[in-house]
């Protein structure tokens, strides 16, 4: 039963599954190694899930150009 569930997740949502697991592993390392807070753990897992979701949709993992344009538009006010 569990094997079929993982196979379905892997086939239908490969990026979300992979990056969520990566986020959980990184989050557990974060929790084990010292003074870590649960909010940081959730942020790591959610960020990796979001990246995986973008990969599943066929988009770039991190949209650098769009982020750069957005930041430049925001900073234009200070010039």
Foldseek 3Di string as FASTA:
>chain_A
DVVVVVVVCCVQQVLLVVLLVVLQVVLVCQVPPDDDDVVVSVVSNVLSNQLSVCVSVVHHSDPVVVVVVVVCVVCVVVD
